[in-house]
Amino acid sequence: MFGLWAGCVLIVLMYLFGTFLNVFVSLILELENRLLSRFDVASQKRELSTMAECAKILSQVVDIMFLSCFLILSDAFKLFVKLSL
C-alpha cells in the first residue's frame, strides 16, 4: 500500500517539478533575450560601457541558470531516492 502511495506522490512531484522548471527556464531565457537585445543596440551605437555591463550580467545569468538547475535536479533526485526506499 505504501509503495502505491509513494508512487502517486512521486508522479505529482515530478509534474510540479517539470512545471516549475519550465517556468524558471522561460524566465531566464526572456531575461537573456532582453539582455542580448540591449547588447545589440549598444553595439550598434558603440556604447562600450553598456556592452560591458550587458556581457557581465549575461555571464552571471548563465552561471545562475546552470547552478540553479543543478541544485534543483540534485534535490529532486534525493527526494526520488527517499520515496523509492
C-alpha atoms as a PDB file:
ATOM      1  CA  MET A   1       0.000   0.000   0.000  1.00  0.00           C
ATOM      2  CA  PHE A   2       2.792   2.424   0.891  1.00  0.00           C
ATOM      3  CA  GLY A   3       4.519   1.742  -2.439  1.00  0.00           C
ATOM      4  CA  LEU A   4       1.409   2.777  -4.382  1.00  0.00           C
ATOM      5  CA  TRP A   5       1.013   5.952  -2.298  1.00  0.00           C
ATOM      6  CA  ALA A   6       4.695   6.830  -2.746  1.00  0.00           C
ATOM      7  CA  GLY A   7       4.370   6.275  -6.486  1.00  0.00           C
ATOM      8  CA  CYS A   8       1.383   8.635  -6.705  1.00  0.00           C
ATOM      9  CA  VAL A   9       3.186  11.275  -4.663  1.00  0.00           C
ATOM     10  CA  LEU A  10       6.245  10.886  -6.881  1.00  0.00           C
ATOM     11  CA  ILE A  11       4.189  11.390 -10.050  1.00  0.00           C
ATOM     12  CA  VAL A  12       2.612  14.568  -8.651  1.00  0.00           C
ATOM     13  CA  LEU A  13       6.006  15.887  -7.513  1.00  0.00           C
ATOM     14  CA  MET A  14       7.544  15.147 -10.908  1.00  0.00           C
ATOM     15  CA  TYR A  15       4.713  17.058 -12.615  1.00  0.00           C
ATOM     16  CA  LEU A  16       5.137  20.039 -10.267  1.00  0.00           C
ATOM     17  CA  PHE A  17       8.905  19.923 -10.710  1.00  0.00           C
ATOM     18  CA  GLY A  18       8.573  19.890 -14.501  1.00  0.00           C
ATOM     19  CA  THR A  19       6.159  22.821 -14.400  1.00  0.00           C
ATOM     20  CA  PHE A  20       8.465  24.795 -12.106  1.00  0.00           C
ATOM     21  CA  LEU A  21      11.497  24.037 -14.254  1.00  0.00           C
ATOM     22  CA  ASN A  22       9.667  25.163 -17.422  1.00  0.00           C
ATOM     23  CA  VAL A  23       8.654  28.462 -15.807  1.00  0.00           C
ATOM     24  CA  PHE A  24      12.161  29.009 -14.432  1.00  0.00           C
ATOM     25  CA  VAL A  25      13.835  28.347 -17.780  1.00  0.00           C
ATOM     26  CA  SER A  26      11.304  30.564 -19.586  1.00  0.00           C
ATOM     27  CA  LEU A  27      12.053  33.464 -17.250  1.00  0.00           C
ATOM     28  CA  ILE A  28      15.802  33.023 -17.637  1.00  0.00           C
ATOM     29  CA  LEU A  29      15.516  32.854 -21.427  1.00  0.00           C
ATOM     30  CA  GLU A  30      13.388  36.011 -21.505  1.00  0.00           C
ATOM     31  CA  LEU A  31      15.943  37.835 -19.379  1.00  0.00           C
ATOM     32  CA  GLU A  32      18.734  36.572 -21.619  1.00  0.00           C
ATOM     33  CA  ASN A  33      16.891  37.711 -24.766  1.00  0.00           C
ATOM     34  CA  ARG A  34      16.331  41.186 -23.314  1.00  0.00           C
ATOM     35  CA  LEU A  35      19.990  41.490 -22.388  1.00  0.00           C
ATOM     36  CA  LEU A  36      21.087  40.316 -25.832  1.00  0.00           C
ATOM     37  CA  SER A  37      18.770  42.837 -27.446  1.00  0.00           C
ATOM     38  CA  ARG A  38      20.136  45.615 -25.244  1.00  0.00           C
ATOM     39  CA  PHE A  39      23.680  44.494 -26.057  1.00  0.00           C
ATOM     40  CA  ASP A  40      22.885  44.552 -29.796  1.00  0.00           C
ATOM     41  CA  VAL A  41      21.520  48.106 -29.629  1.00  0.00           C
ATOM     42  CA  ALA A  42      24.526  49.225 -27.598  1.00  0.00           C
ATOM     43  CA  SER A  43      26.935  47.623 -30.065  1.00  0.00           C
ATOM     44  CA  GLN A  44      25.292  49.469 -32.970  1.00  0.00           C
ATOM     45  CA  LYS A  45      25.730  52.742 -31.067  1.00  0.00           C
ATOM     46  CA  ARG A  46      29.272  51.793 -29.986  1.00  0.00           C
ATOM     47  CA  GLU A  47      28.386  52.199 -26.297  1.00  0.00           C
ATOM     48  CA  LEU A  48      31.175  50.139 -24.796  1.00  0.00           C
ATOM     49  CA  SER A  49      30.174  50.634 -21.161  1.00  0.00           C
ATOM     50  CA  THR A  50      26.629  49.354 -21.835  1.00  0.00           C
ATOM     51  CA  MET A  51      28.015  46.448 -23.830  1.00  0.00           C
ATOM     52  CA  ALA A  52      30.346  45.531 -20.964  1.00  0.00           C
ATOM     53  CA  GLU A  53      27.521  45.774 -18.443  1.00  0.00           C
ATOM     54  CA  CYS A  54      25.271  43.515 -20.528  1.00  0.00           C
ATOM     55  CA  ALA A  55      28.054  40.990 -21.090  1.00  0.00           C
ATOM     56  CA  LYS A  56      28.786  40.858 -17.355  1.00  0.00           C
ATOM     57  CA  ILE A  57      25.121  40.334 -16.466  1.00  0.00           C
ATOM     58  CA  LEU A  58      24.717  37.711 -19.201  1.00  0.00           C
ATOM     59  CA  SER A  59      27.628  35.691 -17.848  1.00  0.00           C
ATOM     60  CA  GLN A  60      26.119  35.849 -14.347  1.00  0.00           C
ATOM     61  CA  VAL A  61      22.700  34.800 -15.656  1.00  0.00           C
ATOM     62  CA  VAL A  62      24.203  31.759 -17.367  1.00  0.00           C
ATOM     63  CA  ASP A  63      26.120  30.814 -14.211  1.00  0.00           C
ATOM     64  CA  ILE A  64      22.994  31.194 -12.065  1.00  0.00           C
ATOM     65  CA  MET A  65      20.900  29.171 -14.501  1.00  0.00           C
ATOM     66  CA  PHE A  66      23.290  26.212 -14.563  1.00  0.00           C
ATOM     67  CA  LEU A  67      23.868  26.256 -10.808  1.00  0.00           C
ATOM     68  CA  SER A  68      20.145  26.524 -10.055  1.00  0.00           C
ATOM     69  CA  CYS A  69      19.235  23.698 -12.430  1.00  0.00           C
ATOM     70  CA  PHE A  70      21.950  21.513 -10.907  1.00  0.00           C
ATOM     71  CA  LEU A  71      20.709  22.178  -7.373  1.00  0.00           C
ATOM     72  CA  ILE A  72      17.068  21.606  -8.339  1.00  0.00           C
ATOM     73  CA  LEU A  73      17.871  18.330 -10.093  1.00  0.00           C
ATOM     74  CA  SER A  74      20.050  17.236  -7.180  1.00  0.00           C
ATOM     75  CA  ASP A  75      17.235  17.872  -4.682  1.00  0.00           C
ATOM     76  CA  ALA A  76      14.708  16.133  -6.940  1.00  0.00           C
ATOM     77  CA  PHE A  77      16.974  13.087  -7.185  1.00  0.00           C
ATOM     78  CA  LYS A  78      17.407  12.973  -3.390  1.00  0.00           C
ATOM     79  CA  LEU A  79      13.625  13.117  -2.959  1.00  0.00           C
ATOM     80  CA  PHE A  80      13.163  10.383  -5.564  1.00  0.00           C
ATOM     81  CA  VAL A  81      15.622   8.139  -3.709  1.00  0.00           C
ATOM     82  CA  LYS A  82      13.867   8.753  -0.365  1.00  0.00           C
ATOM     83  CA  LEU A  83      10.448   7.941  -1.815  1.00  0.00           C
ATOM     84  CA  SER A  84      11.764   4.863  -3.604  1.00  0.00           C
ATOM     85  CA  LEU A  85      13.045   3.247  -0.422  1.00  0.00           C
END
